[in-house]
Amino acid sequence: MSTPAVRHISECFLKPHRPIEESNKICQLTPWDILLLSYHYIQKGLLFKKPETATRDDQHDFIENLLNKLKTSLSHALSLFYPLSGCLVTRKTQDPPSYAFFVDCNNTDGARFIYAALDMTISDILSPADVPPILHSLFDHHKAVNHDGHTMPLLSIQVTELVDGVFIGFSMNHVIGDGTSYWNFFNTWSQIFQAHQALGHEHDVRILHPPIHDRWFPNDCGRSVNLPYKHHDEFISNFEQPLLRERIFHFSAESIAKLKAKANSESNMSEISSFQSLSALVWRSITRARFLPYEERTSCKMAINNRSRMEPRMPEEYFGNLVQMVSAEATARELVENDLGWAAWQLHVAVANHNDKVVNQSLKGWLESPFIPQIGKLFDPNAVLMGSSPRFNKYGCEFGMGKALAIRSGYGNKFDGKVSSYPGREGGGSIDLEVCLLPHHMIALESDKEFISAVSVSNLPC
């Protein structure tokens, strides 16, 4: 039986409900932002269950009311996060050749809002062992890279109505912000939605932790970064992911506590964190699943938030990109023949050594010889990359339908060995891992005893 197709029913563009101040109409981009020009948009979404009454005769009224409230609250949220309503603009010079980028927050259509429908149920989405490929169609900007923000909206929301649920897919240009910025916006939008719903009318909502838009530039950098290129074809390329299997593996708080205790006991330490212990398990297990020759080197890269690493510390409300990768490396023999504690300690050291000096040294080197990384060339086939974070308040985003049932992602930035971490729905320190692997690697991982013994059963309410 063929899979139903997503039907786009309507779309519109939304702007901030308040005019943008003159001083805010141009947003400069930092080196951290520009480095992501050839990556994909961030694509994450939440799956909600329709209220029981909405599954009967008043489905039309329910979805109409929901869409109107989402649009109104989104417009209010854009007043606080105004760069998301802008577009990328390039300033070029010929002699010497250079590119400079900024965001025009004024001369733009705004953020795109799409209403779509899909004749599938929540069970169709959550019951299969693998994440169904139809999930990629629940997001706008499929396969778009961030440089496409010159002609595509920097933010696009797709609300897809299912038979018994609603999926809200959020595509944000990664040049505008990192995961911390992404979820700060999502949570703020939710807060405004709930405040409007509680009072029964729209109004300005006081946000306790509004975004900070004063972008951070390293010393002696100035407020503009120029790339030594003549044409964007020299630094932008499209990345086509191979055929992958995607699975969600759930780890209860109890299972993760056991991994942490085991890692610290085996390394005779006490500093190894829960997430470092879980990442070590994933690194070892995927390396075994790949059957790497013992002499080959493998790495585990972890996305790290530089806000807490810088001196002075940057606030979490900083809106932009302050994320970097730290990496631990070993031969396949070292990783497989040593225990979990050994691997977790390598990751702990990599994280502990990442400080303000390292951050500024890496930026200094890039400014001396700037380049744009290409996602297809950056990650070798022996690497594991731990992305996203279980610390983000993802299940705190509610839009009148109660707590989300699940978090899912789109096509963007996936390859063999990409692992995204989400908080478990039940909270308490539980974690869900979205693992992307080549099919034969996934089969081997599913048979890995150490890995599977740590996986917990997740009972999602459908």
Protein backbone atom coordinates (compact mmCIF):
# COMPACT_ATOMS: atom_id res chain seq x y z
CA MET A 1 0.00 0.00 0.00
CA SER A 2 1.41 3.39 -0.98
CA THR A 3 2.13 6.01 1.66
CA PRO A 4 -0.26 8.99 1.65
CA ALA A 5 1.23 12.30 0.52
CA VAL A 6 1.31 15.54 2.48
CA ARG A 7 -1.14 18.08 1.02
CA HIS A 8 -0.29 21.76 1.32
CA ILE A 9 -3.57 23.58 1.91
CA SER A 10 -2.54 27.18 2.52
CA GLU A 11 0.40 29.41 3.32
CA CYS A 12 1.02 32.99 4.34
CA PHE A 13 3.84 35.20 5.57
CA LEU A 14 3.98 36.76 9.02
CA LYS A 15 5.90 39.79 10.24
CA PRO A 16 6.52 41.15 13.73
CA HIS A 17 3.33 42.71 15.08
CA ARG A 18 5.33 45.77 16.16
CA PRO A 19 7.48 47.81 13.75
CA ILE A 20 11.20 47.05 13.92
CA GLU A 21 13.24 49.89 15.35
CA GLU A 22 15.54 51.61 12.89
CA SER A 23 18.67 50.50 14.76
CA ASN A 24 17.57 46.85 14.50
CA LYS A 25 16.79 46.67 10.79
CA ILE A 26 20.26 45.31 9.95
CA CYS A 27 21.70 42.33 11.84
CA GLN A 28 25.42 41.67 11.49
CA LEU A 29 26.72 38.09 11.33
CA THR A 30 29.67 36.78 13.33
CA PRO A 31 32.27 34.20 12.29
CA TRP A 32 30.30 31.53 14.20
CA ASP A 33 27.24 32.37 12.09
CA ILE A 34 29.01 32.54 8.73
CA LEU A 35 30.71 29.17 9.27
CA LEU A 36 27.30 27.49 8.84
CA LEU A 37 26.40 28.89 5.42
CA SER A 38 26.73 25.52 3.67
CA TYR A 39 24.90 23.49 6.34
CA HIS A 40 21.19 22.67 6.31
CA TYR A 41 18.45 24.49 8.17
CA ILE A 42 17.69 23.25 11.70
CA GLN A 43 14.53 21.13 11.49
CA LYS A 44 12.83 19.94 14.67
CA GLY A 45 9.16 19.42 15.39
CA LEU A 46 6.65 18.34 18.02
CA LEU A 47 3.81 15.85 17.63
CA PHE A 48 0.60 16.59 19.56
CA LYS A 49 -2.60 14.66 20.08
CA LYS A 50 -5.81 16.44 19.08
CA PRO A 51 -8.21 17.11 21.94
CA GLU A 52 -10.89 14.41 22.12
CA THR A 53 -13.63 16.83 21.04
CA ALA A 54 -11.63 17.74 17.94
CA THR A 55 -11.89 14.22 16.56
CA ARG A 56 -15.64 14.54 16.09
CA ASP A 57 -17.79 17.02 14.19
CA ASP A 58 -15.91 20.20 15.11
CA GLN A 59 -12.52 19.31 13.64
CA HIS A 60 -12.73 22.22 11.20
CA ASP A 61 -13.42 24.75 13.97
CA PHE A 62 -10.61 23.30 16.08
CA ILE A 63 -7.95 23.57 13.38
CA GLU A 64 -9.13 27.05 12.28
CA ASN A 65 -8.92 28.33 15.86
CA LEU A 66 -5.54 26.69 16.36
CA LEU A 67 -4.07 28.17 13.18
CA ASN A 68 -5.33 31.67 14.03
CA LYS A 69 -3.87 31.50 17.54
CA LEU A 70 -0.57 30.14 16.24
CA LYS A 71 -0.29 32.95 13.70
CA THR A 72 -1.11 35.69 16.21
CA SER A 73 1.28 34.43 18.86
CA LEU A 74 3.98 33.82 16.24
CA SER A 75 3.73 37.43 15.08
CA HIS A 76 4.17 38.57 18.70
CA ALA A 77 7.16 36.25 19.14
CA LEU A 78 8.77 37.66 15.99
CA SER A 79 8.67 41.10 17.57
CA LEU A 80 11.16 39.79 20.12
CA PHE A 81 13.13 37.58 17.69
CA TYR A 82 12.96 39.98 14.72
CA PRO A 83 16.01 38.59 12.79
CA LEU A 84 13.91 35.48 12.06
CA SER A 85 11.61 37.58 9.89
CA GLY A 86 14.52 38.85 7.77
CA CYS A 87 16.55 37.58 4.84
CA LEU A 88 20.22 37.11 4.07
CA VAL A 89 21.95 39.80 2.04
CA THR A 90 25.42 39.71 0.48
CA ARG A 91 27.72 42.64 -0.08
CA LYS A 92 30.40 41.86 -2.71
CA THR A 93 33.53 43.68 -3.81
CA GLN A 94 35.66 42.87 -6.86
CA ASP A 95 39.10 44.22 -5.99
CA PRO A 96 40.06 42.46 -3.85
CA PRO A 97 37.26 39.87 -4.22
CA SER A 98 35.27 39.45 -1.03
CA TYR A 99 31.87 38.49 0.34
CA ALA A 100 30.25 39.97 3.43
CA PHE A 101 26.90 38.84 4.86
CA PHE A 102 24.22 40.41 7.01
CA VAL A 103 20.50 40.01 7.71
CA ASP A 104 18.04 42.58 6.39
CA CYS A 105 15.22 42.56 8.95
CA ASN A 106 13.13 45.14 7.10
CA ASN A 107 12.88 44.51 3.34
CA THR A 108 11.43 41.02 3.53
CA ASP A 109 8.17 39.08 3.32
CA GLY A 110 8.65 37.72 6.85
CA ALA A 111 8.38 34.18 8.20
CA ARG A 112 6.43 31.55 6.24
CA PHE A 113 3.46 29.76 7.83
CA ILE A 114 2.12 26.63 6.11
CA TYR A 115 -0.98 24.60 6.87
CA ALA A 116 -0.87 21.04 5.50
CA ALA A 117 -2.70 17.76 5.99
CA LEU A 118 -1.71 14.09 5.98
CA ASP A 119 -4.05 11.09 6.08
CA MET A 120 -2.03 9.23 8.70
CA THR A 121 -2.43 8.66 12.42
CA ILE A 122 -0.17 9.21 15.39
CA SER A 123 0.35 5.44 15.50
CA ASP A 124 1.50 5.49 11.86
CA ILE A 125 4.22 7.95 12.89
CA LEU A 126 5.31 6.48 16.22
CA SER A 127 4.70 2.72 15.97
CA PRO A 128 7.25 1.68 13.29
CA ALA A 129 10.69 0.76 14.63
CA ASP A 130 12.28 3.14 12.16
CA VAL A 131 11.27 6.78 11.83
CA PRO A 132 9.12 6.78 8.66
CA PRO A 133 10.54 8.82 5.75
CA ILE A 134 7.27 10.77 5.52
CA LEU A 135 8.53 12.78 8.52
CA HIS A 136 10.82 14.73 6.18
CA SER A 137 7.73 16.03 4.39
CA LEU A 138 6.41 17.58 7.59
CA PHE A 139 9.03 20.33 7.34
CA ASP A 140 9.50 23.16 4.88
CA HIS A 141 12.91 23.90 3.31
CA HIS A 142 13.62 20.27 2.46
CA LYS A 143 17.34 19.93 1.62
CA ALA A 144 17.85 23.72 1.68
CA VAL A 145 21.23 25.01 2.85
CA ASN A 146 21.54 28.14 4.94
CA HIS A 147 22.89 30.20 2.04
CA ASP A 148 19.45 29.74 0.46
CA GLY A 149 18.23 32.24 3.04
CA HIS A 150 18.93 34.89 0.38
CA THR A 151 15.77 33.78 -1.42
CA MET A 152 13.97 31.57 1.14
CA PRO A 153 12.49 32.63 4.50
CA LEU A 154 14.84 32.30 7.45
CA LEU A 155 12.00 30.79 9.45
CA SER A 156 9.21 28.53 8.24
CA ILE A 157 6.54 26.84 10.34
CA GLN A 158 4.59 23.92 8.87
CA VAL A 159 1.51 22.82 10.80
CA THR A 160 0.42 19.40 9.51
CA GLU A 161 -2.95 18.05 10.56
CA LEU A 162 -3.07 14.27 11.01
CA VAL A 163 -6.19 12.18 11.48
CA ASP A 164 -5.85 12.32 15.26
CA GLY A 165 -2.94 14.67 15.81
CA VAL A 166 -1.06 17.81 14.83
CA PHE A 167 2.62 18.08 13.97
CA ILE A 168 4.34 21.47 14.21
CA GLY A 169 7.56 21.43 12.18
CA PHE A 170 9.94 24.32 12.69
CA SER A 171 12.67 25.07 10.08
CA MET A 172 15.15 27.78 11.07
CA ASN A 173 18.17 29.02 9.18
CA HIS A 174 21.20 27.86 11.20
CA VAL A 175 23.13 31.03 10.34
CA ILE A 176 20.65 32.96 12.50
CA GLY A 177 21.06 30.84 15.61
CA ASP A 178 22.14 27.57 17.22
CA GLY A 179 20.11 25.00 19.14
CA THR A 180 19.99 27.17 22.27
CA SER A 181 18.59 30.08 20.24
CA TYR A 182 16.22 27.75 18.39
CA TRP A 183 14.58 26.36 21.52
CA ASN A 184 14.57 29.75 23.27
CA PHE A 185 12.42 31.00 20.41
CA PHE A 186 10.20 27.91 20.38
CA ASN A 187 9.64 28.21 24.16
CA THR A 188 8.94 31.94 23.94
CA TRP A 189 6.39 31.38 21.18
CA SER A 190 4.72 28.76 23.39
CA GLN A 191 4.65 31.13 26.39
CA ILE A 192 2.98 33.84 24.32
CA PHE A 193 0.46 31.35 22.89
CA GLN A 194 -0.49 30.13 26.34
CA ALA A 195 -0.77 33.66 27.74
CA HIS A 196 -3.08 34.69 24.89
CA GLN A 197 -5.18 31.58 25.42
CA ALA A 198 -5.48 32.16 29.17
CA LEU A 199 -6.72 35.73 28.75
CA GLY A 200 -8.84 35.08 25.69
CA HIS A 201 -7.32 37.90 23.64
CA GLU A 202 -3.98 38.96 22.20
CA HIS A 203 -1.72 41.28 24.15
CA ASP A 204 1.95 41.97 24.70
CA VAL A 205 3.40 39.30 26.98
CA ARG A 206 6.21 40.10 29.36
CA ILE A 207 9.02 37.60 28.83
CA LEU A 208 11.34 37.09 31.80
CA HIS A 209 14.37 36.20 29.66
CA PRO A 210 14.12 38.08 26.34
CA PRO A 211 16.71 37.38 23.62
CA ILE A 212 19.94 39.36 23.49
CA HIS A 213 20.65 40.48 19.91
CA ASP A 214 24.00 42.25 20.39
CA ARG A 215 26.14 39.77 18.46
CA TRP A 216 29.53 38.85 19.88
CA PHE A 217 32.61 39.49 17.75
CA PRO A 218 36.16 38.50 18.75
CA ASN A 219 38.69 41.20 19.52
CA ASP A 220 40.14 43.06 16.51
CA CYS A 221 37.54 41.48 14.20
CA GLY A 222 35.34 44.52 13.71
CA ARG A 223 31.64 44.18 13.00
CA SER A 224 31.98 42.67 9.55
CA VAL A 225 33.64 39.50 8.25
CA ASN A 226 34.78 39.29 4.62
CA LEU A 227 35.30 36.01 2.78
CA PRO A 228 37.94 35.92 0.01
CA TYR A 229 35.69 34.56 -2.75
CA LYS A 230 34.47 35.74 -6.16
CA HIS A 231 31.30 33.62 -6.35
CA HIS A 232 29.26 31.62 -3.86
CA ASP A 233 29.80 28.44 -5.90
CA GLU A 234 33.32 28.48 -4.46
CA PHE A 235 32.06 27.89 -0.90
CA ILE A 236 28.49 26.54 -1.13
CA SER A 237 27.60 22.97 -2.06
CA ASN A 238 24.54 20.78 -1.69
CA PHE A 239 24.77 17.61 0.38
CA GLU A 240 22.73 14.52 -0.49
CA GLN A 241 22.60 12.12 2.42
CA PRO A 242 22.97 8.41 1.65
CA LEU A 243 20.11 6.00 2.27
CA LEU A 244 19.87 5.92 6.05
CA ARG A 245 17.82 4.22 8.70
CA GLU A 246 16.67 6.45 11.55
CA ARG A 247 15.65 5.02 14.92
CA ILE A 248 14.70 6.48 18.28
CA PHE A 249 16.26 4.67 21.25
CA HIS A 250 14.98 5.48 24.73
CA PHE A 251 17.16 5.47 27.85
CA SER A 252 15.44 5.79 31.21
CA ALA A 253 16.93 7.84 34.03
CA GLU A 254 17.71 4.59 35.85
CA SER A 255 19.55 3.14 32.85
CA ILE A 256 21.62 6.31 32.41
CA ALA A 257 22.46 6.39 36.13
CA LYS A 258 23.82 2.85 35.82
CA LEU A 259 25.94 3.84 32.83
CA LYS A 260 27.34 6.83 34.72
CA ALA A 261 28.16 4.74 37.78
CA LYS A 262 29.81 2.09 35.60
CA ALA A 263 31.90 4.64 33.66
CA ASN A 264 33.15 6.38 36.82
CA SER A 265 33.87 3.09 38.58
CA GLU A 266 35.83 1.67 35.64
CA SER A 267 37.88 4.86 35.26
CA ASN A 268 38.31 5.28 39.02
CA MET A 269 36.93 8.80 38.68
CA SER A 270 33.84 10.72 39.75
CA GLU A 271 33.75 13.60 37.24
CA ILE A 272 32.29 11.78 34.22
CA SER A 273 28.80 13.05 33.46
CA SER A 274 25.68 11.11 32.51
CA PHE A 275 25.76 12.35 28.95
CA GLN A 276 29.46 11.60 28.53
CA SER A 277 28.78 8.04 29.74
CA LEU A 278 25.88 7.63 27.30
CA SER A 279 27.94 9.11 24.44
CA ALA A 280 30.77 6.68 25.20
CA LEU A 281 28.33 3.77 24.96
CA VAL A 282 27.11 5.03 21.58
CA TRP A 283 30.65 5.61 20.29
CA ARG A 284 31.80 2.10 21.24
CA SER A 285 28.65 0.42 19.97
CA ILE A 286 28.57 2.15 16.58
CA THR A 287 32.28 1.48 16.12
CA ARG A 288 31.66 -2.22 16.70
CA ALA A 289 28.64 -2.11 14.36
CA ARG A 290 30.87 -0.73 11.60
CA PHE A 291 33.41 -3.57 11.99
CA LEU A 292 36.29 -1.12 11.64
CA PRO A 293 39.77 -2.58 11.18
CA TYR A 294 41.57 -2.27 14.51
CA GLU A 295 44.27 0.04 13.17
CA GLU A 296 41.80 2.64 11.84
CA ARG A 297 41.07 5.76 13.87
CA THR A 298 37.62 6.77 14.98
CA SER A 299 36.30 9.88 16.69
CA CYS A 300 33.34 11.00 18.74
CA LYS A 301 32.41 14.65 18.24
CA MET A 302 30.11 16.45 20.63
CA ALA A 303 28.31 19.75 20.07
CA ILE A 304 29.20 22.10 22.92
CA ASN A 305 27.64 25.40 23.97
CA ASN A 306 30.38 28.02 24.21
CA ARG A 307 28.24 30.42 26.26
CA SER A 308 29.34 28.85 29.53
CA ARG A 309 32.95 28.42 28.34
CA MET A 310 33.70 32.06 27.59
CA GLU A 311 35.15 34.70 29.90
CA PRO A 312 33.11 36.58 30.81
CA ARG A 313 30.37 34.00 30.50
CA MET A 314 27.78 34.69 27.81
CA PRO A 315 24.12 34.56 28.87
CA GLU A 316 21.92 31.73 27.61
CA GLU A 317 19.62 34.36 26.10
CA TYR A 318 22.30 35.35 23.56
CA PHE A 319 20.62 34.92 20.17
CA GLY A 320 23.02 33.66 17.53
CA ASN A 321 25.57 30.88 17.16
CA LEU A 322 27.97 30.05 19.97
CA VAL A 323 28.30 26.31 19.41
CA GLN A 324 31.38 24.29 18.53
CA MET A 325 32.51 20.69 18.26
CA VAL A 326 34.86 18.96 20.67
CA SER A 327 36.33 15.63 19.68
CA ALA A 328 37.88 12.55 21.26
CA GLU A 329 39.87 10.16 19.06
CA ALA A 330 41.15 6.60 19.37
CA THR A 331 41.95 3.60 17.25
CA ALA A 332 39.18 1.06 16.89
CA ARG A 333 41.32 -1.37 18.91
CA GLU A 334 41.72 1.07 21.82
CA LEU A 335 38.01 1.84 21.87
CA VAL A 336 36.80 -1.75 21.66
CA GLU A 337 39.40 -3.46 23.88
CA ASN A 338 39.19 -0.88 26.67
CA ASP A 339 36.05 -0.52 28.79
CA LEU A 340 33.23 2.02 28.87
CA GLY A 341 35.02 4.08 31.54
CA TRP A 342 38.08 4.50 29.32
CA ALA A 343 36.00 5.83 26.41
CA ALA A 344 33.93 8.10 28.68
CA TRP A 345 37.11 9.55 30.19
CA GLN A 346 38.41 10.51 26.73
CA LEU A 347 35.19 12.44 26.15
CA HIS A 348 35.36 14.04 29.59
CA VAL A 349 38.88 15.31 28.94
CA ALA A 350 37.86 16.75 25.55
CA VAL A 351 35.00 18.67 27.18
CA ALA A 352 36.99 19.79 30.22
CA ASN A 353 39.82 21.18 28.06
CA HIS A 354 37.44 23.33 26.00
CA ASN A 355 37.72 26.79 27.53
CA ASP A 356 37.79 30.49 26.61
CA LYS A 357 41.38 30.26 25.37
CA VAL A 358 40.56 27.39 23.01
CA VAL A 359 37.47 29.21 21.72
CA ASN A 360 39.41 32.36 20.91
CA GLN A 361 42.37 30.50 19.42
CA SER A 362 40.10 28.64 17.03
CA LEU A 363 38.46 31.90 15.95
CA LYS A 364 41.82 33.60 15.49
CA GLY A 365 42.97 30.80 13.19
CA TRP A 366 39.77 31.02 11.15
CA LEU A 367 40.01 34.80 10.78
CA GLU A 368 43.57 34.44 9.47
CA SER A 369 42.42 31.95 6.85
CA PRO A 370 38.60 31.96 6.59
CA PHE A 371 36.76 29.10 4.89
CA ILE A 372 33.25 27.63 4.83
CA PRO A 373 33.03 23.97 5.98
CA GLN A 374 31.10 21.57 3.76
CA ILE A 375 28.93 19.09 5.62
CA GLY A 376 29.69 16.33 3.10
CA LYS A 377 33.44 16.63 3.71
CA LEU A 378 33.59 17.49 7.39
CA PHE A 379 32.62 14.16 8.91
CA ASP A 380 34.56 11.02 8.06
CA PRO A 381 32.85 7.61 7.82
CA ASN A 382 34.45 6.48 11.08
CA ALA A 383 33.07 9.36 13.17
CA VAL A 384 30.10 9.62 15.51
CA LEU A 385 28.60 13.05 16.09
CA MET A 386 26.42 13.76 19.12
CA GLY A 387 24.19 16.72 18.27
CA SER A 388 21.33 18.65 19.87
CA SER A 389 20.96 18.40 23.67
CA PRO A 390 18.71 16.74 26.26
CA ARG A 391 18.97 19.94 28.32
CA PHE A 392 16.78 21.99 25.99
CA ASN A 393 13.23 22.45 27.27
CA LYS A 394 11.60 20.78 24.28
CA TYR A 395 8.57 19.28 25.98
CA GLY A 396 7.81 22.61 27.66
CA CYS A 397 6.48 23.91 24.34
CA GLU A 398 2.68 23.58 24.45
CA PHE A 399 0.05 25.00 22.11
CA GLY A 400 -3.31 24.22 23.65
CA MET A 401 -3.09 20.47 23.08
CA GLY A 402 -1.23 19.42 26.19
CA LYS A 403 2.29 18.04 26.34
CA ALA A 404 3.77 16.82 23.06
CA LEU A 405 3.87 13.08 22.46
CA ALA A 406 7.22 13.04 20.71
CA ILE A 407 10.00 15.08 19.10
CA ARG A 408 11.06 14.35 15.55
CA SER A 409 13.40 15.98 13.04
CA GLY A 410 13.61 16.59 9.29
CA TYR A 411 16.16 15.80 6.61
CA GLY A 412 18.71 18.41 7.59
CA ASN A 413 22.30 17.68 8.63
CA LYS A 414 22.03 13.88 8.76
CA PHE A 415 24.62 11.31 7.77
CA ASP A 416 25.89 7.91 8.88
CA GLY A 417 26.83 8.29 12.54
CA LYS A 418 24.74 11.38 13.34
CA VAL A 419 23.06 11.06 16.74
CA SER A 420 20.66 13.70 18.09
CA SER A 421 19.80 13.73 21.79
CA TYR A 422 16.43 14.77 23.17
CA PRO A 423 14.99 14.74 26.69
CA GLY A 424 12.80 11.73 27.37
CA ARG A 425 9.13 12.60 27.53
CA GLU A 426 8.81 11.43 31.15
CA GLY A 427 11.64 13.75 32.23
CA GLY A 428 13.70 12.96 35.29
CA GLY A 429 16.94 12.74 33.34
CA SER A 430 15.73 10.25 30.73
CA ILE A 431 17.07 10.70 27.18
CA ASP A 432 15.94 9.75 23.69
CA LEU A 433 18.58 9.29 21.01
CA GLU A 434 17.79 9.67 17.32
CA VAL A 435 20.40 7.49 15.61
CA CYS A 436 21.09 7.73 11.86
CA LEU A 437 23.08 4.87 10.31
CA LEU A 438 23.53 3.06 7.04
CA PRO A 439 21.12 0.08 6.99
CA HIS A 440 23.75 -2.62 7.54
CA HIS A 441 25.30 -0.63 10.40
CA MET A 442 21.88 -0.25 12.05
CA ILE A 443 21.28 -4.01 11.83
CA ALA A 444 24.58 -4.60 13.62
CA LEU A 445 23.79 -1.97 16.28
CA GLU A 446 20.43 -3.62 16.97
CA SER A 447 22.35 -6.80 17.77
CA ASP A 448 24.99 -5.13 19.95
CA LYS A 449 24.46 -6.60 23.42
CA GLU A 450 26.05 -3.78 25.41
CA PHE A 451 23.97 -1.16 23.59
CA ILE A 452 20.63 -2.97 23.59
CA SER A 453 20.95 -3.95 27.26
CA ALA A 454 21.00 -0.23 28.14
CA VAL A 455 18.00 0.69 25.97
CA SER A 456 14.71 1.08 27.83
CA VAL A 457 11.13 0.54 26.71
CA SER A 458 9.29 3.81 26.11
CA ASN A 459 5.53 3.85 26.58
CA LEU A 460 4.32 6.80 24.54
CA PRO A 461 0.66 7.71 25.03
CA CYS A 462 -1.17 7.48 21.72
